[in-house]
């Protein structure tokens, strides 16, 4: 598959400690994206952050090492595929009953093609 031109970026913000049936929630989302044929997903670990329910800042500082650092999953694909994936992720969030945030923005895809 080769993509170029107008695309859509889905960002999913969640915590590293969030679980879905004893599995890391971010792994469940990434595997579901792959299963549904999205172009790709990247999980980025944050150095510091807090969310809607956080009373404390989670940080990677050596003296306050957190096991619940913020994570961001980024997925870029066509608008149609991203819009179709959002309800899937939303339903997963409802099952997990954890805090999270999803954002969507238009992007210009410069190059996307599978390697050799």
PDB file of N, CA and C in Angstrom:
ATOM      1  N   UNK A   1       0.833  -1.164   0.000  1.00  0.00           N
ATOM      2  CA  UNK A   1       0.000   0.000   0.000  1.00  0.00           C
ATOM      3  C   UNK A   1       0.883   1.234   0.000  1.00  0.00           C
ATOM      4  N   UNK A   2       0.500   2.228  -0.775  1.00  0.00           N
ATOM      5  CA  UNK A   2       1.227   3.484  -0.812  1.00  0.00           C
ATOM      6  C   UNK A   2       0.237   4.607  -0.582  1.00  0.00           C
ATOM      7  N   UNK A   3       0.562   5.488   0.350  1.00  0.00           N
ATOM      8  CA  UNK A   3      -0.294   6.631   0.656  1.00  0.00           C
ATOM      9  C   UNK A   3       0.452   7.910   0.367  1.00  0.00           C
ATOM     10  N   UNK A   4      -0.250   8.906  -0.105  1.00  0.00           N
ATOM     11  CA  UNK A   4       0.297  10.255  -0.239  1.00  0.00           C
ATOM     12  C   UNK A   4      -0.883  11.214  -0.348  1.00  0.00           C
ATOM     13  N   UNK A   5      -0.605  12.478  -0.103  1.00  0.00           N
ATOM     14  CA  UNK A   5      -1.662  13.478  -0.171  1.00  0.00           C
ATOM     15  C   UNK A   5      -2.310  13.712   1.175  1.00  0.00           C
ATOM     16  N   UNK A   6      -3.600  14.055   1.159  1.00  0.00           N
ATOM     17  CA  UNK A   6      -4.340  14.372   2.379  1.00  0.00           C
ATOM     18  C   UNK A   6      -4.608  13.113   3.188  1.00  0.00           C
ATOM     19  N   UNK A   7      -4.340  13.188   4.474  1.00  0.00           N
ATOM     20  CA  UNK A   7      -4.603  12.079   5.387  1.00  0.00           C
ATOM     21  C   UNK A   7      -5.119  12.612   6.708  1.00  0.00           C
ATOM     22  N   UNK A   8      -5.329  11.710   7.634  1.00  0.00           N
ATOM     23  CA  UNK A   8      -5.822  12.078   8.962  1.00  0.00           C
ATOM     24  C   UNK A   8      -4.955  11.421  10.022  1.00  0.00           C
ATOM     25  N   UNK A   9      -4.635  12.189  11.058  1.00  0.00           N
ATOM     26  CA  UNK A   9      -3.836  11.713  12.186  1.00  0.00           C
ATOM     27  C   UNK A   9      -4.743  11.560  13.396  1.00  0.00           C
ATOM     28  N   UNK A  10      -4.748  10.368  13.962  1.00  0.00           N
ATOM     29  CA  UNK A  10      -5.458  10.103  15.210  1.00  0.00           C
ATOM     30  C   UNK A  10      -4.422   9.994  16.310  1.00  0.00           C
ATOM     31  N   UNK A  11      -4.586  10.798  17.365  1.00  0.00           N
ATOM     32  CA  UNK A  11      -3.714  10.709  18.539  1.00  0.00           C
ATOM     33  C   UNK A  11      -4.557  10.228  19.706  1.00  0.00           C
ATOM     34  N   UNK A  12      -4.038   9.238  20.394  1.00  0.00           N
ATOM     35  CA  UNK A  12      -4.724   8.672  21.550  1.00  0.00           C
ATOM     36  C   UNK A  12      -3.801   8.837  22.750  1.00  0.00           C
ATOM     37  N   UNK A  13      -4.270   9.546  23.757  1.00  0.00           N
ATOM     38  CA  UNK A  13      -3.496   9.787  24.968  1.00  0.00           C
ATOM     39  C   UNK A  13      -4.033   8.885  26.072  1.00  0.00           C
ATOM     40  N   UNK A  14      -3.144   8.154  26.733  1.00  0.00           N
ATOM     41  CA  UNK A  14      -3.541   7.269  27.811  1.00  0.00           C
ATOM     42  C   UNK A  14      -2.361   7.046  28.740  1.00  0.00           C
ATOM     43  N   UNK A  15      -2.575   6.275  29.787  1.00  0.00           N
ATOM     44  CA  UNK A  15      -1.516   6.000  30.748  1.00  0.00           C
ATOM     45  C   UNK A  15      -0.887   4.640  30.519  1.00  0.00           C
ATOM     46  N   UNK A  16       0.369   4.550  30.843  1.00  0.00           N
ATOM     47  CA  UNK A  16       1.124   3.308  30.668  1.00  0.00           C
ATOM     48  C   UNK A  16       0.556   2.169  31.512  1.00  0.00           C
ATOM     49  N   UNK A  17      -0.024   2.478  32.658  1.00  0.00           N
ATOM     50  CA  UNK A  17      -0.532   1.446  33.567  1.00  0.00           C
ATOM     51  C   UNK A  17      -1.953   0.997  33.224  1.00  0.00           C
ATOM     52  N   UNK A  18      -2.596   1.616  32.232  1.00  0.00           N
ATOM     53  CA  UNK A  18      -3.956   1.227  31.860  1.00  0.00           C
ATOM     54  C   UNK A  18      -3.950  -0.176  31.266  1.00  0.00           C
ATOM     55  N   UNK A  19      -4.854  -1.023  31.774  1.00  0.00           N
ATOM     56  CA  UNK A  19      -4.912  -2.422  31.344  1.00  0.00           C
ATOM     57  C   UNK A  19      -6.261  -2.758  30.745  1.00  0.00           C
ATOM     58  N   UNK A  20      -6.237  -3.729  29.834  1.00  0.00           N
ATOM     59  CA  UNK A  20      -7.438  -4.292  29.232  1.00  0.00           C
ATOM     60  C   UNK A  20      -7.308  -5.810  29.344  1.00  0.00           C
ATOM     61  N   UNK A  21      -8.109  -6.417  30.202  1.00  0.00           N
ATOM     62  CA  UNK A  21      -8.023  -7.873  30.435  1.00  0.00           C
ATOM     63  C   UNK A  21      -6.594  -8.329  30.715  1.00  0.00           C
ATOM     64  N   UNK A  22      -5.931  -7.675  31.632  1.00  0.00           N
ATOM     65  CA  UNK A  22      -4.572  -8.015  32.082  1.00  0.00           C
ATOM     66  C   UNK A  22      -3.497  -7.799  31.006  1.00  0.00           C
ATOM     67  N   UNK A  23      -3.807  -7.032  29.989  1.00  0.00           N
ATOM     68  CA  UNK A  23      -2.847  -6.711  28.930  1.00  0.00           C
ATOM     69  C   UNK A  23      -2.746  -5.195  28.833  1.00  0.00           C
ATOM     70  N   UNK A  24      -1.575  -4.697  28.478  1.00  0.00           N
ATOM     71  CA  UNK A  24      -1.400  -3.251  28.320  1.00  0.00           C
ATOM     72  C   UNK A  24      -2.412  -2.721  27.303  1.00  0.00           C
ATOM     73  N   UNK A  25      -3.135  -1.691  27.714  1.00  0.00           N
ATOM     74  CA  UNK A  25      -4.188  -1.143  26.865  1.00  0.00           C
ATOM     75  C   UNK A  25      -3.640  -0.624  25.544  1.00  0.00           C
ATOM     76  N   UNK A  26      -2.449  -0.008  25.580  1.00  0.00           N
ATOM     77  CA  UNK A  26      -1.874   0.517  24.341  1.00  0.00           C
ATOM     78  C   UNK A  26      -1.589  -0.608  23.350  1.00  0.00           C
ATOM     79  N   UNK A  27      -1.179  -1.779  23.869  1.00  0.00           N
ATOM     80  CA  UNK A  27      -0.928  -2.927  22.982  1.00  0.00           C
ATOM     81  C   UNK A  27      -2.224  -3.399  22.324  1.00  0.00           C
ATOM     82  N   UNK A  28      -3.305  -3.399  23.074  1.00  0.00           N
ATOM     83  CA  UNK A  28      -4.602  -3.805  22.534  1.00  0.00           C
ATOM     84  C   UNK A  28      -5.007  -2.876  21.388  1.00  0.00           C
ATOM     85  N   UNK A  29      -4.826  -1.580  21.579  1.00  0.00           N
ATOM     86  CA  UNK A  29      -5.200  -0.610  20.543  1.00  0.00           C
ATOM     87  C   UNK A  29      -4.342  -0.781  19.296  1.00  0.00           C
ATOM     88  N   UNK A  30      -3.031  -0.933  19.474  1.00  0.00           N
ATOM     89  CA  UNK A  30      -2.131  -1.094  18.325  1.00  0.00           C
ATOM     90  C   UNK A  30      -2.461  -2.373  17.554  1.00  0.00           C
ATOM     91  N   UNK A  31      -2.702  -3.449  18.265  1.00  0.00           N
ATOM     92  CA  UNK A  31      -3.018  -4.717  17.585  1.00  0.00           C
ATOM     93  C   UNK A  31      -4.369  -4.651  16.871  1.00  0.00           C
ATOM     94  N   UNK A  32      -5.322  -3.930  17.453  1.00  0.00           N
ATOM     95  CA  UNK A  32      -6.626  -3.756  16.810  1.00  0.00           C
ATOM     96  C   UNK A  32      -6.476  -2.917  15.536  1.00  0.00           C
ATOM     97  N   UNK A  33      -5.621  -1.895  15.577  1.00  0.00           N
ATOM     98  CA  UNK A  33      -5.366  -1.081  14.382  1.00  0.00           C
ATOM     99  C   UNK A  33      -4.763  -1.937  13.277  1.00  0.00           C
ATOM    100  N   UNK A  34      -3.835  -2.801  13.648  1.00  0.00           N
ATOM    101  CA  UNK A  34      -3.219  -3.691  12.645  1.00  0.00           C
ATOM    102  C   UNK A  34      -4.243  -4.680  12.089  1.00  0.00           C
ATOM    103  N   UNK A  35      -5.040  -5.258  12.978  1.00  0.00           N
ATOM    104  CA  UNK A  35      -6.067  -6.216  12.572  1.00  0.00           C
ATOM    105  C   UNK A  35      -7.051  -5.598  11.583  1.00  0.00           C
ATOM    106  N   UNK A  36      -7.354  -4.318  11.765  1.00  0.00           N
ATOM    107  CA  UNK A  36      -8.314  -3.638  10.901  1.00  0.00           C
ATOM    108  C   UNK A  36      -7.667  -3.005   9.666  1.00  0.00           C
ATOM    109  N   UNK A  37      -6.363  -3.225   9.488  1.00  0.00           N
ATOM    110  CA  UNK A  37      -5.692  -2.802   8.260  1.00  0.00           C
ATOM    111  C   UNK A  37      -5.291  -1.349   8.182  1.00  0.00           C
ATOM    112  N   UNK A  38      -5.136  -0.678   9.319  1.00  0.00           N
ATOM    113  CA  UNK A  38      -4.668   0.705   9.273  1.00  0.00           C
ATOM    114  C   UNK A  38      -3.203   0.732   8.863  1.00  0.00           C
ATOM    115  N   UNK A  39      -2.766   1.857   8.349  1.00  0.00           N
ATOM    116  CA  UNK A  39      -1.434   1.956   7.746  1.00  0.00           C
ATOM    117  C   UNK A  39      -0.304   1.705   8.741  1.00  0.00           C
ATOM    118  N   UNK A  40      -0.475   2.120   9.980  1.00  0.00           N
ATOM    119  CA  UNK A  40       0.572   1.909  10.976  1.00  0.00           C
ATOM    120  C   UNK A  40       0.249   2.663  12.246  1.00  0.00           C
ATOM    121  N   UNK A  41       0.924   2.300  13.314  1.00  0.00           N
ATOM    122  CA  UNK A  41       0.717   2.955  14.607  1.00  0.00           C
ATOM    123  C   UNK A  41       2.050   3.052  15.319  1.00  0.00           C
ATOM    124  N   UNK A  42       2.242   4.141  16.044  1.00  0.00           N
ATOM    125  CA  UNK A  42       3.449   4.347  16.833  1.00  0.00           C
ATOM    126  C   UNK A  42       3.043   4.748  18.243  1.00  0.00           C
ATOM    127  N   UNK A  43       3.671   4.120  19.232  1.00  0.00           N
ATOM    128  CA  UNK A  43       3.430   4.470  20.630  1.00  0.00           C
ATOM    129  C   UNK A  43       4.636   5.262  21.122  1.00  0.00           C
ATOM    130  N   UNK A  44       4.367   6.441  21.676  1.00  0.00           N
ATOM    131  CA  UNK A  44       5.415   7.314  22.185  1.00  0.00           C
ATOM    132  C   UNK A  44       5.226   7.445  23.692  1.00  0.00           C
ATOM    133  N   UNK A  45       6.311   7.230  24.425  1.00  0.00           N
ATOM    134  CA  UNK A  45       6.266   7.324  25.889  1.00  0.00           C
ATOM    135  C   UNK A  45       6.661   8.735  26.306  1.00  0.00           C
ATOM    136  N   UNK A  46       5.832   9.356  27.125  1.00  0.00           N
ATOM    137  CA  UNK A  46       6.096  10.699  27.596  1.00  0.00           C
ATOM    138  C   UNK A  46       7.065  10.721  28.765  1.00  0.00           C
ATOM    139  N   UNK A  47       7.744  11.816  28.918  1.00  0.00           N
ATOM    140  CA  UNK A  47       8.685  12.006  30.011  1.00  0.00           C
ATOM    141  C   UNK A  47       7.949  12.481  31.262  1.00  0.00           C
ATOM    142  N   UNK A  48       6.879  13.252  31.038  1.00  0.00           N
ATOM    143  CA  UNK A  48       6.135  13.790  32.169  1.00  0.00           C
ATOM    144  C   UNK A  48       4.754  14.185  31.693  1.00  0.00           C
ATOM    145  N   UNK A  49       3.768  14.086  32.573  1.00  0.00           N
ATOM    146  CA  UNK A  49       2.444  14.525  32.200  1.00  0.00           C
ATOM    147  C   UNK A  49       1.408  14.185  33.250  1.00  0.00           C
ATOM    148  N   UNK A  50       0.168  14.634  32.992  1.00  0.00           N
ATOM    149  CA  UNK A  50      -0.962  14.305  33.849  1.00  0.00           C
ATOM    150  C   UNK A  50      -2.203  14.325  32.992  1.00  0.00           C
ATOM    151  N   UNK A  51      -3.240  13.673  33.487  1.00  0.00           N
ATOM    152  CA  UNK A  51      -4.489  13.606  32.753  1.00  0.00           C
ATOM    153  C   UNK A  51      -5.642  14.153  33.562  1.00  0.00           C
ATOM    154  N   UNK A  52      -6.847  13.931  33.075  1.00  0.00           N
ATOM    155  CA  UNK A  52      -8.043  14.510  33.682  1.00  0.00           C
ATOM    156  C   UNK A  52      -8.258  14.044  35.121  1.00  0.00           C
ATOM    157  N   UNK A  53      -7.938  12.772  35.417  1.00  0.00           N
ATOM    158  CA  UNK A  53      -8.175  12.251  36.768  1.00  0.00           C
ATOM    159  C   UNK A  53      -6.926  12.274  37.640  1.00  0.00           C
ATOM    160  N   UNK A  54      -5.813  12.728  37.106  1.00  0.00           N
ATOM    161  CA  UNK A  54      -4.557  12.686  37.856  1.00  0.00           C
ATOM    162  C   UNK A  54      -4.480  13.795  38.887  1.00  0.00           C
ATOM    163  N   UNK A  55      -4.126  13.408  40.066  1.00  0.00           N
ATOM    164  CA  UNK A  55      -3.877  14.373  41.134  1.00  0.00           C
ATOM    165  C   UNK A  55      -2.377  14.613  41.275  1.00  0.00           C
ATOM    166  N   UNK A  56      -1.589  13.806  40.580  1.00  0.00           N
ATOM    167  CA  UNK A  56      -0.136  13.874  40.672  1.00  0.00           C
ATOM    168  C   UNK A  56       0.440  13.891  39.255  1.00  0.00           C
ATOM    169  N   UNK A  57       1.591  14.519  39.110  1.00  0.00           N
ATOM    170  CA  UNK A  57       2.282  14.510  37.818  1.00  0.00           C
ATOM    171  C   UNK A  57       3.128  13.250  37.743  1.00  0.00           C
ATOM    172  N   UNK A  58       2.968  12.497  36.675  1.00  0.00           N
ATOM    173  CA  UNK A  58       3.771  11.304  36.445  1.00  0.00           C
ATOM    174  C   UNK A  58       5.039  11.730  35.732  1.00  0.00           C
ATOM    175  N   UNK A  59       6.183  11.263  36.215  1.00  0.00           N
ATOM    176  CA  UNK A  59       7.446  11.728  35.667  1.00  0.00           C
ATOM    177  C   UNK A  59       8.459  10.595  35.578  1.00  0.00           C
ATOM    178  N   UNK A  60       9.423  10.769  34.705  1.00  0.00           N
ATOM    179  CA  UNK A  60      10.492   9.789  34.529  1.00  0.00           C
ATOM    180  C   UNK A  60      11.765  10.222  35.236  1.00  0.00           C
ATOM    181  N   UNK A  61      11.686  11.243  36.087  1.00  0.00           N
ATOM    182  CA  UNK A  61      12.871  11.682  36.824  1.00  0.00           C
ATOM    183  C   UNK A  61      13.355  10.537  37.707  1.00  0.00           C
ATOM    184  N   UNK A  62      14.648  10.396  37.818  1.00  0.00           N
ATOM    185  CA  UNK A  62      15.255   9.248  38.474  1.00  0.00           C
ATOM    186  C   UNK A  62      14.803   9.074  39.926  1.00  0.00           C
ATOM    187  N   UNK A  63      14.594  10.159  40.656  1.00  0.00           N
ATOM    188  CA  UNK A  63      14.193  10.044  42.053  1.00  0.00           C
ATOM    189  C   UNK A  63      12.692   9.822  42.223  1.00  0.00           C
ATOM    190  N   UNK A  64      11.929  10.025  41.160  1.00  0.00           N
ATOM    191  CA  UNK A  64      10.479   9.864  41.237  1.00  0.00           C
ATOM    192  C   UNK A  64       9.994   9.003  40.087  1.00  0.00           C
ATOM    193  N   UNK A  65      10.711   7.927  39.806  1.00  0.00           N
ATOM    194  CA  UNK A  65      10.405   7.095  38.642  1.00  0.00           C
ATOM    195  C   UNK A  65       8.971   6.557  38.707  1.00  0.00           C
ATOM    196  N   UNK A  66       8.208   6.854  37.712  1.00  0.00           N
ATOM    197  CA  UNK A  66       6.812   6.445  37.646  1.00  0.00           C
ATOM    198  C   UNK A  66       6.663   5.212  36.762  1.00  0.00           C
ATOM    199  N   UNK A  67       5.761   4.345  37.157  1.00  0.00           N
ATOM    200  CA  UNK A  67       5.424   3.193  36.318  1.00  0.00           C
ATOM    201  C   UNK A  67       4.147   3.463  35.537  1.00  0.00           C
ATOM    202  N   UNK A  68       3.698   4.688  35.583  1.00  0.00           N
ATOM    203  CA  UNK A  68       2.484   5.065  34.864  1.00  0.00           C
ATOM    204  C   UNK A  68       2.731   6.344  34.072  1.00  0.00           C
ATOM    205  N   UNK A  69       3.717   6.287  33.185  1.00  0.00           N
ATOM    206  CA  UNK A  69       4.039   7.454  32.362  1.00  0.00           C
ATOM    207  C   UNK A  69       2.969   7.650  31.291  1.00  0.00           C
ATOM    208  N   UNK A  70       2.822   8.880  30.812  1.00  0.00           N
ATOM    209  CA  UNK A  70       1.853   9.127  29.745  1.00  0.00           C
ATOM    210  C   UNK A  70       2.329   8.510  28.433  1.00  0.00           C
ATOM    211  N   UNK A  71       1.370   8.017  27.671  1.00  0.00           N
ATOM    212  CA  UNK A  71       1.650   7.451  26.349  1.00  0.00           C
ATOM    213  C   UNK A  71       0.788   8.153  25.317  1.00  0.00           C
ATOM    214  N   UNK A  72       1.317   8.243  24.102  1.00  0.00           N
ATOM    215  CA  UNK A  72       0.559   8.754  22.964  1.00  0.00           C
ATOM    216  C   UNK A  72       0.682   7.733  21.843  1.00  0.00           C
ATOM    217  N   UNK A  73      -0.450   7.325  21.316  1.00  0.00           N
ATOM    218  CA  UNK A  73      -0.468   6.452  20.137  1.00  0.00           C
ATOM    219  C   UNK A  73      -0.822   7.335  18.957  1.00  0.00           C
ATOM    220  N   UNK A  74       0.006   7.298  17.915  1.00  0.00           N
ATOM    221  CA  UNK A  74      -0.266   8.077  16.707  1.00  0.00           C
ATOM    222  C   UNK A  74      -0.529   7.130  15.549  1.00  0.00           C
ATOM    223  N   UNK A  75      -1.634   7.374  14.854  1.00  0.00           N
ATOM    224  CA  UNK A  75      -2.023   6.551  13.708  1.00  0.00           C
ATOM    225  C   UNK A  75      -2.392   7.490  12.569  1.00  0.00           C
ATOM    226  N   UNK A  76      -1.773   7.302  11.416  1.00  0.00           N
ATOM    227  CA  UNK A  76      -2.082   8.115  10.234  1.00  0.00           C
ATOM    228  C   UNK A  76      -2.604   7.191   9.141  1.00  0.00           C
ATOM    229  N   UNK A  77      -3.704   7.587   8.538  1.00  0.00           N
ATOM    230  CA  UNK A  77      -4.276   6.827   7.422  1.00  0.00           C
ATOM    231  C   UNK A  77      -5.260   7.743   6.710  1.00  0.00           C
ATOM    232  N   UNK A  78      -6.066   7.178   5.838  1.00  0.00           N
ATOM    233  CA  UNK A  78      -7.091   7.968   5.167  1.00  0.00           C
ATOM    234  C   UNK A  78      -8.138   8.390   6.187  1.00  0.00           C
ATOM    235  N   UNK A  79      -8.840   9.470   5.902  1.00  0.00           N
ATOM    236  CA  UNK A  79      -9.870   9.953   6.808  1.00  0.00           C
ATOM    237  C   UNK A  79     -10.932   8.881   7.053  1.00  0.00           C
ATOM    238  N   UNK A  80     -11.315   8.183   6.009  1.00  0.00           N
ATOM    239  CA  UNK A  80     -12.343   7.146   6.116  1.00  0.00           C
ATOM    240  C   UNK A  80     -11.929   6.048   7.096  1.00  0.00           C
ATOM    241  N   UNK A  81     -10.695   5.585   6.989  1.00  0.00           N
ATOM    242  CA  UNK A  81     -10.229   4.510   7.880  1.00  0.00           C
ATOM    243  C   UNK A  81     -10.092   4.985   9.325  1.00  0.00           C
ATOM    244  N   UNK A  82      -9.570   6.189   9.500  1.00  0.00           N
ATOM    245  CA  UNK A  82      -9.432   6.737  10.860  1.00  0.00           C
ATOM    246  C   UNK A  82     -10.802   6.941  11.480  1.00  0.00           C
ATOM    247  N   UNK A  83     -11.731   7.536  10.746  1.00  0.00           N
ATOM    248  CA  UNK A  83     -13.084   7.783  11.272  1.00  0.00           C
ATOM    249  C   UNK A  83     -13.784   6.467  11.613  1.00  0.00           C
ATOM    250  N   UNK A  84     -13.499   5.409  10.857  1.00  0.00           N
ATOM    251  CA  UNK A  84     -14.072   4.097  11.151  1.00  0.00           C
ATOM    252  C   UNK A  84     -13.450   3.442  12.374  1.00  0.00           C
ATOM    253  N   UNK A  85     -12.218   3.809  12.697  1.00  0.00           N
ATOM    254  CA  UNK A  85     -11.503   3.226  13.835  1.00  0.00           C
ATOM    255  C   UNK A  85     -11.859   3.909  15.157  1.00  0.00           C
ATOM    256  N   UNK A  86     -12.245   5.161  15.107  1.00  0.00           N
ATOM    257  CA  UNK A  86     -12.537   5.914  16.332  1.00  0.00           C
ATOM    258  C   UNK A  86     -13.611   5.236  17.187  1.00  0.00           C
ATOM    259  N   UNK A  87     -14.744   4.782  16.638  1.00  0.00           N
ATOM    260  CA  UNK A  87     -15.736   4.115  17.489  1.00  0.00           C
ATOM    261  C   UNK A  87     -15.211   2.822  18.122  1.00  0.00           C
ATOM    262  N   UNK A  88     -14.309   2.148  17.438  1.00  0.00           N
ATOM    263  CA  UNK A  88     -13.706   0.926  17.983  1.00  0.00           C
ATOM    264  C   UNK A  88     -12.901   1.265  19.234  1.00  0.00           C
ATOM    265  N   UNK A  89     -12.061   2.303  19.135  1.00  0.00           N
ATOM    266  CA  UNK A  89     -11.246   2.719  20.275  1.00  0.00           C
ATOM    267  C   UNK A  89     -12.133   3.257  21.388  1.00  0.00           C
ATOM    268  N   UNK A  90     -13.147   4.010  21.031  1.00  0.00           N
ATOM    269  CA  UNK A  90     -14.062   4.565  22.022  1.00  0.00           C
ATOM    270  C   UNK A  90     -14.742   3.439  22.813  1.00  0.00           C
ATOM    271  N   UNK A  91     -15.156   2.393  22.131  1.00  0.00           N
ATOM    272  CA  UNK A  91     -15.778   1.244  22.808  1.00  0.00           C
ATOM    273  C   UNK A  91     -14.785   0.547  23.736  1.00  0.00           C
ATOM    274  N   UNK A  92     -13.525   0.453  23.320  1.00  0.00           N
ATOM    275  CA  UNK A  92     -12.500  -0.135  24.182  1.00  0.00           C
ATOM    276  C   UNK A  92     -12.304   0.710  25.437  1.00  0.00           C
ATOM    277  N   UNK A  93     -12.272   2.036  25.289  1.00  0.00           N
ATOM    278  CA  UNK A  93     -12.153   2.926  26.443  1.00  0.00           C
ATOM    279  C   UNK A  93     -13.323   2.718  27.409  1.00  0.00           C
ATOM    280  N   UNK A  94     -14.521   2.539  26.873  1.00  0.00           N
ATOM    281  CA  UNK A  94     -15.693   2.308  27.727  1.00  0.00           C
ATOM    282  C   UNK A  94     -15.543   1.014  28.521  1.00  0.00           C
ATOM    283  N   UNK A  95     -15.022  -0.032  27.890  1.00  0.00           N
ATOM    284  CA  UNK A  95     -14.823  -1.315  28.576  1.00  0.00           C
ATOM    285  C   UNK A  95     -13.769  -1.208  29.666  1.00  0.00           C
ATOM    286  N   UNK A  96     -12.703  -0.475  29.400  1.00  0.00           N
ATOM    287  CA  UNK A  96     -11.603  -0.346  30.350  1.00  0.00           C
ATOM    288  C   UNK A  96     -11.980   0.601  31.483  1.00  0.00           C
ATOM    289  N   UNK A  97     -12.825   1.575  31.175  1.00  0.00           N
ATOM    290  CA  UNK A  97     -13.244   2.584  32.143  1.00  0.00           C
ATOM    291  C   UNK A  97     -12.048   3.349  32.708  1.00  0.00           C
ATOM    292  N   UNK A  98     -11.175   3.779  31.820  1.00  0.00           N
ATOM    293  CA  UNK A  98     -10.029   4.587  32.238  1.00  0.00           C
ATOM    294  C   UNK A  98     -10.085   5.927  31.522  1.00  0.00           C
ATOM    295  N   UNK A  99      -9.300   6.869  32.019  1.00  0.00           N
ATOM    296  CA  UNK A  99      -9.244   8.172  31.384  1.00  0.00           C
ATOM    297  C   UNK A  99      -8.455   8.111  30.090  1.00  0.00           C
ATOM    298  N   UNK A 100      -8.779   8.990  29.181  1.00  0.00           N
ATOM    299  CA  UNK A 100      -8.053   9.050  27.924  1.00  0.00           C
ATOM    300  C   UNK A 100      -8.551  10.211  27.085  1.00  0.00           C
ATOM    301  N   UNK A 101      -7.854  10.470  26.015  1.00  0.00           N
ATOM    302  CA  UNK A 101      -8.201  11.567  25.121  1.00  0.00           C
ATOM    303  C   UNK A 101      -7.860  11.139  23.703  1.00  0.00           C
ATOM    304  N   UNK A 102      -8.739  11.477  22.759  1.00  0.00           N
ATOM    305  CA  UNK A 102      -8.452  11.248  21.343  1.00  0.00           C
ATOM    306  C   UNK A 102      -8.583  12.573  20.616  1.00  0.00           C
ATOM    307  N   UNK A 103      -7.638  12.844  19.728  1.00  0.00           N
ATOM    308  CA  UNK A 103      -7.714  14.024  18.873  1.00  0.00           C
ATOM    309  C   UNK A 103      -7.519  13.596  17.426  1.00  0.00           C
ATOM    310  N   UNK A 104      -8.046  14.393  16.523  1.00  0.00           N
ATOM    311  CA  UNK A 104      -7.935  14.112  15.091  1.00  0.00           C
ATOM    312  C   UNK A 104      -7.512  15.400  14.400  1.00  0.00           C
ATOM    313  N   UNK A 105      -6.596  15.269  13.442  1.00  0.00           N
ATOM    314  CA  UNK A 105      -6.224  16.438  12.645  1.00  0.00           C
ATOM    315  C   UNK A 105      -5.853  16.002  11.237  1.00  0.00           C
ATOM    316  N   UNK A 106      -6.027  16.928  10.320  1.00  0.00           N
ATOM    317  CA  UNK A 106      -5.649  16.684   8.929  1.00  0.00           C
ATOM    318  C   UNK A 106      -4.137  16.779   8.793  1.00  0.00           C
ATOM    319  N   UNK A 107      -3.558  15.920   7.995  1.00  0.00           N
ATOM    320  CA  UNK A 107      -2.121  15.946   7.741  1.00  0.00           C
ATOM    321  C   UNK A 107      -1.869  15.778   6.249  1.00  0.00           C
ATOM    322  N   UNK A 108      -0.723  16.254   5.818  1.00  0.00           N
ATOM    323  CA  UNK A 108      -0.267  15.996   4.454  1.00  0.00           C
ATOM    324  C   UNK A 108       0.717  14.842   4.515  1.00  0.00           C
ATOM    325  N   UNK A 109       0.358  13.745   3.870  1.00  0.00           N
ATOM    326  CA  UNK A 109       1.247  12.582   3.834  1.00  0.00           C
ATOM    327  C   UNK A 109       2.247  12.804   2.717  1.00  0.00           C
ATOM    328  N   UNK A 110       3.506  12.900   3.067  1.00  0.00           N
ATOM    329  CA  UNK A 110       4.567  13.128   2.073  1.00  0.00           C
ATOM    330  C   UNK A 110       4.991  11.815   1.451  1.00  0.00           C
ATOM    331  N   UNK A 111       5.201  10.822   2.293  1.00  0.00           N
ATOM    332  CA  UNK A 111       5.620   9.517   1.774  1.00  0.00           C
ATOM    333  C   UNK A 111       5.227   8.440   2.740  1.00  0.00           C
ATOM    334  N   UNK A 112       4.578   7.419   2.253  1.00  0.00           N
ATOM    335  CA  UNK A 112       4.304   6.221   3.017  1.00  0.00           C
ATOM    336  C   UNK A 112       4.306   5.067   2.034  1.00  0.00           C
ATOM    337  N   UNK A 113       5.230   4.178   2.205  1.00  0.00           N
ATOM    338  CA  UNK A 113       5.258   2.971   1.370  1.00  0.00           C
ATOM    339  C   UNK A 113       6.001   1.898   2.140  1.00  0.00           C
ATOM    340  N   UNK A 114       5.615   0.657   1.978  1.00  0.00           N
ATOM    341  CA  UNK A 114       6.293  -0.424   2.679  1.00  0.00           C
ATOM    342  C   UNK A 114       7.734  -0.576   2.197  1.00  0.00           C
ATOM    343  N   UNK A 115       8.602  -0.957   3.120  1.00  0.00           N
ATOM    344  CA  UNK A 115      10.000  -1.201   2.751  1.00  0.00           C
ATOM    345  C   UNK A 115      10.136  -2.515   2.019  1.00  0.00           C
ATOM    346  N   UNK A 116      11.383  -2.869   1.735  1.00  0.00           N
ATOM    347  CA  UNK A 116      11.637  -4.111   0.988  1.00  0.00           C
ATOM    348  C   UNK A 116      11.483  -5.335   1.844  1.00  0.00           C
TER     349      UNK A 116
END
